[in-house]
Amino acid sequence: MDTRYVLDTRRHARGAVRPVVIAIIAVIALLAVGAWFLIIKPHQELIMADSGGHPSTPVVAATLAAPPPPANVAEMDVNQLIGEARTAMSAQRYLAPAGNNAFEFYLRVLEKDPGNKVASDALRETFPFAATSAEQAINSRDFNEAQRQIDLLAKADPTNFTLTILRSKLDAQRKTLDKQQQLALDQEKAQQLAAQKAAAEKQAADQLAEQQKTQQAEQQKTAQASAAKKSTQPTEANPAAGGDTAGGATGGETHGAVLTQAAAPHYPPSAVRSRQEGWVQLSFKIDTDGRTSDIKVVESQPRRVFDRAAMEAVQRYRFTPAMKNGVAVSTTKQQRIEFKL
């Protein structure tokens, strides 16, 4: 009997506890709902009214043209500045344009009334969305405007970590643009140098071709004069001697060295960059195999700028060696090589 009585008592106790728990939960829920409607929601509505719109409204890239800034901003009182700030917030002019944006108006409010809660709360609530505006300026590579907006954000909340991120992005974008511009300049400079080098080599080749043409004409005249002289020698020396000359010459071919392969000098890159021009007078020996040797600079202007290039070009020259009575002989020659851009 005692055992059954105890069990029945426990069952009744558990049945009484359940309604109490449910009642407590219902009271807590009602208090939470009441707090939302009576405290939290009115406070948020106040913040939204002060800021000119809901803070969660996304920042759009294109907005209507902003009206001109008020002419008498410095003379406005706190209420007038707050009114201008709310108008700017409604138009999502958080940080731009300069002189006619919500942040500047609210900051002026705080200058006049440092403890103004409306301005402080509005700046704090809208800071993330204003930061988005600054980030858009960075992405569009309007670096001066982005820097101005970041500085404005720093006045509102100098310790906000978002400023560090924005400054890092701005610095990275500036470096990227600098690299792109430098690369474009380097490519343009390389193209100019290549064009100048090609023009210099063409001009040098044209000069060599003209020199070869003049040399060949002179050598042809010399050969013709020599042949005419030989044809008259037998008659003058001994008409009865036939083809023998007075001096016992064999009558073999005699002519000067003839250039068969020219080489354009390479225009020194340093001279191309400084746009220098000049010339080099060279003396060199033409060996019996048609190659050049003993190349020396006789005179140059300017000194030592084009000497090496001229000597290397002459070293690549090839000649038909000079002939004397049918025998190849070495000769010495001088030549002037000009360098012009």
Protein backbone atom coordinates (compact mmCIF):
# COMPACT_ATOMS: atom_id res chain seq x y z
CA MET A 1 0.00 0.00 0.00
CA ASP A 2 2.77 2.44 0.83
CA THR A 3 4.56 1.77 -2.46
CA ARG A 4 1.48 2.42 -4.58
CA TYR A 5 0.80 5.61 -2.70
CA VAL A 6 4.32 6.91 -3.41
CA LEU A 7 4.04 6.16 -7.15
CA ASP A 8 0.68 7.91 -7.40
CA THR A 9 2.12 10.95 -5.65
CA ARG A 10 5.02 11.16 -8.10
CA ARG A 11 2.71 10.91 -11.11
CA HIS A 12 0.59 13.78 -9.84
CA ALA A 13 3.71 15.88 -9.18
CA ARG A 14 5.03 15.36 -12.74
CA GLY A 15 1.66 16.25 -14.18
CA ALA A 16 1.65 19.51 -12.23
CA VAL A 17 5.20 20.51 -13.36
CA ARG A 18 4.48 20.34 -17.09
CA PRO A 19 1.92 23.15 -17.20
CA VAL A 20 4.24 25.34 -15.13
CA VAL A 21 7.13 24.86 -17.61
CA ILE A 22 4.88 25.58 -20.55
CA ALA A 23 3.59 28.72 -18.85
CA ILE A 24 7.14 29.96 -18.18
CA ILE A 25 8.17 29.41 -21.84
CA ALA A 26 5.07 31.24 -23.05
CA VAL A 27 5.80 34.20 -20.76
CA ILE A 28 9.42 34.41 -22.04
CA ALA A 29 8.22 34.31 -25.65
CA LEU A 30 5.70 37.06 -25.00
CA LEU A 31 8.37 39.20 -23.34
CA ALA A 32 10.70 38.72 -26.33
CA VAL A 33 7.97 39.71 -28.79
CA GLY A 34 7.07 42.69 -26.67
CA ALA A 35 10.70 43.78 -26.45
CA TRP A 36 11.00 43.55 -30.24
CA PHE A 37 7.95 45.69 -30.96
CA LEU A 38 8.33 48.10 -28.06
CA ILE A 39 12.13 48.62 -27.88
CA ILE A 40 14.23 47.14 -30.71
CA LYS A 41 12.05 47.93 -33.70
CA PRO A 42 11.37 51.58 -32.73
CA HIS A 43 15.09 52.09 -32.19
CA GLN A 44 15.91 50.71 -35.67
CA GLU A 45 13.20 52.86 -37.21
CA LEU A 46 14.73 55.88 -35.53
CA ILE A 47 18.14 55.02 -36.96
CA MET A 48 16.64 54.53 -40.41
CA ALA A 49 14.88 57.88 -40.20
CA ASP A 50 18.07 59.61 -39.12
CA SER A 51 20.13 58.05 -41.95
CA GLY A 52 17.54 58.76 -44.63
CA GLY A 53 16.84 55.14 -45.50
CA HIS A 54 17.45 51.56 -44.52
CA PRO A 55 21.16 50.79 -44.01
CA SER A 56 20.86 47.51 -45.84
CA THR A 57 19.95 49.27 -49.09
CA PRO A 58 22.70 48.22 -51.54
CA VAL A 59 25.03 50.83 -53.00
CA VAL A 60 24.41 51.24 -56.72
CA ALA A 61 27.13 52.31 -59.10
CA ALA A 62 25.01 54.72 -61.11
CA THR A 63 22.89 57.30 -59.28
CA LEU A 64 21.05 60.36 -60.42
CA ALA A 65 23.10 63.49 -60.87
CA ALA A 66 23.74 65.03 -57.47
CA PRO A 67 22.40 68.54 -56.90
CA PRO A 68 24.94 71.29 -56.31
CA PRO A 69 26.18 71.52 -52.71
CA PRO A 70 24.60 74.14 -50.46
CA ALA A 71 26.37 77.47 -50.68
CA ASN A 72 26.19 78.23 -46.98
CA VAL A 73 27.30 74.95 -45.39
CA ALA A 74 29.61 76.70 -42.94
CA GLU A 75 26.70 78.79 -41.62
CA MET A 76 24.23 75.90 -41.16
CA ASP A 77 23.20 74.83 -37.70
CA VAL A 78 23.06 71.22 -36.48
CA ASN A 79 19.47 70.59 -37.57
CA GLN A 80 20.08 71.95 -41.05
CA LEU A 81 23.20 69.81 -41.45
CA ILE A 82 21.30 66.71 -40.32
CA GLY A 83 18.59 67.52 -42.86
CA GLU A 84 21.16 67.77 -45.67
CA ALA A 85 22.77 64.52 -44.47
CA ARG A 86 19.43 62.69 -44.54
CA THR A 87 18.78 63.95 -48.08
CA ALA A 88 22.21 62.70 -49.16
CA MET A 89 21.61 59.32 -47.49
CA SER A 90 18.30 58.96 -49.32
CA ALA A 91 20.17 59.49 -52.60
CA GLN A 92 22.93 57.07 -51.46
CA ARG A 93 25.49 59.89 -51.59
CA TYR A 94 27.47 58.45 -48.71
CA LEU A 95 30.93 59.77 -49.65
CA ALA A 96 30.52 61.48 -53.03
CA PRO A 97 30.43 63.97 -54.54
CA ALA A 98 32.92 65.99 -52.54
CA GLY A 99 31.23 68.65 -50.44
CA ASN A 100 27.74 67.22 -50.90
CA ASN A 101 27.65 63.83 -49.19
CA ALA A 102 26.21 62.42 -45.99
CA PHE A 103 29.51 61.72 -44.25
CA GLU A 104 30.77 65.27 -44.63
CA PHE A 105 27.50 66.70 -43.32
CA TYR A 106 27.44 64.35 -40.31
CA LEU A 107 31.10 65.10 -39.58
CA ARG A 108 30.27 68.83 -39.56
CA VAL A 109 27.48 68.04 -37.10
CA LEU A 110 30.01 66.37 -34.80
CA GLU A 111 32.33 69.36 -35.14
CA LYS A 112 29.53 71.62 -33.87
CA ASP A 113 28.09 69.09 -31.41
CA PRO A 114 30.65 66.37 -30.57
CA GLY A 115 28.18 64.29 -28.59
CA ASN A 116 25.41 64.28 -31.19
CA LYS A 117 23.97 60.75 -31.08
CA VAL A 118 22.08 61.03 -34.38
CA ALA A 119 25.26 61.77 -36.33
CA SER A 120 27.36 59.19 -34.45
CA ASP A 121 24.81 56.41 -34.93
CA ALA A 122 24.29 57.23 -38.60
CA LEU A 123 28.02 57.18 -39.34
CA ARG A 124 28.46 53.89 -37.51
CA GLU A 125 25.46 52.20 -39.14
CA THR A 126 26.32 53.27 -42.69
CA PHE A 127 30.11 52.83 -42.50
CA PRO A 128 30.12 49.37 -44.25
CA PHE A 129 28.02 50.68 -47.15
CA ALA A 130 30.11 53.80 -47.53
CA ALA A 131 33.20 51.55 -47.60
CA THR A 132 31.62 49.75 -50.58
CA SER A 133 31.48 53.07 -52.40
CA ALA A 134 35.22 53.61 -51.77
CA GLU A 135 35.95 50.09 -53.01
CA GLN A 136 34.05 50.81 -56.22
CA ALA A 137 36.23 53.88 -56.79
CA ILE A 138 39.33 51.70 -56.32
CA ASN A 139 38.07 49.07 -58.77
CA SER A 140 37.35 51.76 -61.37
CA ARG A 141 40.94 53.02 -60.87
CA ASP A 142 39.81 56.50 -59.86
CA PHE A 143 42.64 56.57 -57.35
CA ASN A 144 42.41 60.22 -56.29
CA GLU A 145 38.71 59.90 -55.56
CA ALA A 146 39.26 56.58 -53.75
CA GLN A 147 41.94 58.18 -51.56
CA ARG A 148 39.60 61.07 -50.72
CA GLN A 149 36.81 58.69 -49.71
CA ILE A 150 39.15 56.56 -47.58
CA ASP A 151 40.37 59.69 -45.79
CA LEU A 152 36.74 60.66 -45.14
CA LEU A 153 36.00 57.21 -43.71
CA ALA A 154 39.05 57.53 -41.48
CA LYS A 155 37.67 60.74 -40.00
CA ALA A 156 34.46 58.91 -39.09
CA ASP A 157 36.11 55.79 -37.63
CA PRO A 158 39.94 55.86 -37.72
CA THR A 159 40.39 52.46 -36.05
CA ASN A 160 38.06 50.49 -38.33
CA PHE A 161 39.87 47.48 -39.82
CA THR A 162 38.07 48.02 -43.12
CA LEU A 163 40.34 50.99 -43.72
CA THR A 164 43.39 48.72 -43.71
CA ILE A 165 41.79 46.50 -46.35
CA LEU A 166 40.81 49.46 -48.54
CA ARG A 167 44.27 51.00 -48.31
CA SER A 168 45.88 47.68 -49.24
CA LYS A 169 43.59 47.32 -52.27
CA LEU A 170 44.32 50.89 -53.36
CA ASP A 171 48.08 50.34 -53.08
CA ALA A 172 47.88 47.06 -55.01
CA GLN A 173 45.82 48.64 -57.81
CA ARG A 174 48.25 51.54 -58.07
CA LYS A 175 51.23 49.18 -58.33
CA THR A 176 49.45 47.10 -60.96
CA LEU A 177 48.70 50.19 -63.04
CA ASP A 178 52.31 51.42 -62.68
CA LYS A 179 53.62 48.05 -63.90
CA GLN A 180 51.27 48.06 -66.88
CA GLN A 181 52.26 51.59 -67.83
CA GLN A 182 55.97 50.80 -67.45
CA LEU A 183 55.58 47.67 -69.58
CA ALA A 184 53.83 49.68 -72.29
CA LEU A 185 56.63 52.29 -72.20
CA ASP A 186 59.31 49.60 -72.42
CA GLN A 187 57.59 47.99 -75.39
CA GLU A 188 57.23 51.33 -77.16
CA LYS A 189 60.89 52.14 -76.49
CA ALA A 190 62.01 48.74 -77.78
CA GLN A 191 60.00 49.26 -80.97
CA GLN A 192 61.54 52.69 -81.47
CA LEU A 193 65.05 51.31 -80.96
CA ALA A 194 64.38 48.47 -83.40
CA ALA A 195 63.06 50.90 -86.00
CA GLN A 196 66.07 53.20 -85.52
CA LYS A 197 68.46 50.27 -85.78
CA ALA A 198 66.83 49.03 -88.97
CA ALA A 199 66.95 52.53 -90.47
CA ALA A 200 70.61 52.93 -89.48
CA GLU A 201 71.58 49.57 -90.98
CA LYS A 202 69.71 50.37 -94.20
CA GLN A 203 71.40 53.74 -94.48
CA ALA A 204 74.82 52.18 -93.85
CA ALA A 205 74.13 49.50 -96.46
CA ASP A 206 73.09 52.17 -98.97
CA GLN A 207 76.28 54.11 -98.27
CA LEU A 208 78.41 51.01 -98.77
CA ALA A 209 76.63 50.20 -101.99
CA GLU A 210 77.30 53.72 -103.26
CA GLN A 211 80.95 53.48 -102.22
CA GLN A 212 81.30 50.14 -104.00
CA LYS A 213 79.77 51.61 -107.13
CA THR A 214 82.24 54.53 -107.04
CA GLN A 215 85.20 52.21 -106.38
CA GLN A 216 84.26 49.90 -109.21
CA ALA A 217 83.94 52.85 -111.58
CA GLU A 218 87.36 54.13 -110.56
CA GLN A 219 88.93 50.68 -110.89
CA GLN A 220 87.36 50.22 -114.30
CA LYS A 221 88.82 53.54 -115.47
CA THR A 222 92.24 52.57 -114.08
CA ALA A 223 92.11 49.18 -115.84
CA GLN A 224 91.11 50.80 -119.13
CA ALA A 225 93.94 53.33 -118.85
CA SER A 226 96.42 50.55 -118.04
CA ALA A 227 95.24 48.46 -120.98
CA ALA A 228 95.55 51.45 -123.32
CA LYS A 229 99.06 52.11 -122.06
CA LYS A 230 100.13 48.49 -122.61
CA SER A 231 98.73 48.47 -126.14
CA THR A 232 101.02 51.37 -127.09
CA GLN A 233 104.22 50.09 -125.45
CA PRO A 234 105.41 47.57 -128.13
CA THR A 235 105.26 50.14 -130.94
CA GLU A 236 107.03 52.82 -128.97
CA ALA A 237 109.76 50.57 -127.56
CA ASN A 238 110.53 48.36 -130.57
CA PRO A 239 108.09 48.22 -133.47
CA ALA A 240 109.67 45.04 -134.76
CA ALA A 241 109.50 43.24 -131.47
CA GLY A 242 105.84 42.29 -131.71
CA GLY A 243 104.22 41.72 -128.29
CA ASP A 244 107.38 42.19 -126.14
CA THR A 245 107.61 45.29 -123.95
CA ALA A 246 110.75 47.37 -123.44
CA GLY A 247 111.06 46.36 -119.86
CA GLY A 248 110.50 42.64 -120.50
CA ALA A 249 107.05 42.62 -118.78
CA THR A 250 104.99 39.48 -119.18
CA GLY A 251 101.80 41.35 -120.09
CA GLY A 252 99.66 39.70 -117.29
CA GLU A 253 96.47 41.28 -115.76
CA THR A 254 96.99 44.23 -113.46
CA HIS A 255 94.19 45.89 -111.41
CA GLY A 256 93.32 47.06 -107.92
CA ALA A 257 91.37 45.17 -105.27
CA VAL A 258 87.61 44.93 -105.89
CA LEU A 259 85.06 44.76 -103.04
CA THR A 260 82.89 41.69 -103.49
CA GLN A 261 81.16 41.46 -100.12
CA ALA A 262 80.28 44.43 -97.94
CA ALA A 263 79.00 44.42 -94.35
CA ALA A 264 76.81 47.08 -92.78
CA PRO A 265 78.13 48.28 -89.41
CA HIS A 266 75.98 47.70 -86.34
CA TYR A 267 74.82 51.03 -84.91
CA PRO A 268 75.87 51.12 -81.22
CA PRO A 269 72.75 50.97 -78.98
CA SER A 270 74.11 53.73 -76.73
CA ALA A 271 74.48 56.01 -79.75
CA VAL A 272 70.95 55.16 -80.89
CA ARG A 273 69.54 56.06 -77.46
CA SER A 274 71.44 59.36 -77.37
CA ARG A 275 70.78 59.94 -81.11
CA GLN A 276 74.47 60.45 -81.88
CA GLU A 277 75.85 60.56 -85.43
CA GLY A 278 79.42 60.51 -86.67
CA TRP A 279 82.04 58.91 -88.92
CA VAL A 280 85.20 56.80 -88.79
CA GLN A 281 88.17 56.94 -91.22
CA LEU A 282 89.88 53.52 -91.36
CA SER A 283 93.10 52.18 -92.85
CA PHE A 284 93.35 48.45 -93.57
CA LYS A 285 95.29 45.93 -95.59
CA ILE A 286 93.74 43.70 -98.27
CA ASP A 287 95.60 40.40 -98.30
CA THR A 288 96.15 38.19 -101.33
CA ASP A 289 93.22 35.98 -100.22
CA GLY A 290 90.85 38.93 -100.33
CA ARG A 291 90.47 39.27 -96.54
CA THR A 292 91.20 42.41 -94.51
CA SER A 293 93.82 42.75 -91.82
CA ASP A 294 95.79 45.37 -89.90
CA ILE A 295 92.64 47.48 -89.45
CA LYS A 296 93.36 50.83 -87.81
CA VAL A 297 91.38 53.94 -86.99
CA VAL A 298 92.94 56.96 -88.69
CA GLU A 299 90.43 59.47 -87.40
CA SER A 300 86.91 59.45 -85.95
CA GLN A 301 84.24 61.88 -84.87
CA PRO A 302 83.14 61.64 -82.09
CA ARG A 303 86.12 59.72 -80.80
CA ARG A 304 85.75 56.08 -79.76
CA VAL A 305 81.93 56.04 -80.14
CA PHE A 306 81.75 54.26 -83.50
CA ASP A 307 85.33 52.89 -83.76
CA ARG A 308 84.59 49.30 -82.79
CA ALA A 309 81.47 49.05 -84.97
CA ALA A 310 83.36 50.37 -88.00
CA MET A 311 86.35 48.04 -87.48
CA GLU A 312 84.08 45.01 -87.07
CA ALA A 313 82.29 45.89 -90.31
CA VAL A 314 85.55 46.22 -92.29
CA GLN A 315 86.78 42.95 -90.81
CA ARG A 316 83.83 41.25 -92.55
CA TYR A 317 84.65 42.79 -95.96
CA ARG A 318 85.76 40.46 -98.77
CA PHE A 319 87.69 41.56 -101.87
CA THR A 320 89.02 40.21 -105.11
CA PRO A 321 92.71 40.90 -104.42
CA ALA A 322 94.73 43.34 -106.47
CA MET A 323 96.63 41.83 -109.40
CA LYS A 324 100.00 42.87 -110.78
CA ASN A 325 101.14 41.20 -113.98
CA GLY A 326 98.75 38.34 -113.28
CA VAL A 327 99.93 37.83 -109.68
CA ALA A 328 97.80 38.59 -106.58
CA VAL A 329 99.38 41.20 -104.34
CA SER A 330 98.40 42.77 -101.04
CA THR A 331 97.36 46.42 -100.96
CA THR A 332 96.49 49.06 -98.39
CA LYS A 333 93.26 51.04 -98.52
CA GLN A 334 91.52 53.77 -96.56
CA GLN A 335 87.76 54.11 -96.21
CA ARG A 336 85.41 56.42 -94.38
CA ILE A 337 82.28 54.89 -92.80
CA GLU A 338 79.50 57.25 -91.75
CA PHE A 339 76.90 56.68 -89.05
CA LYS A 340 73.65 58.58 -89.43
CA LEU A 341 70.18 58.12 -87.96
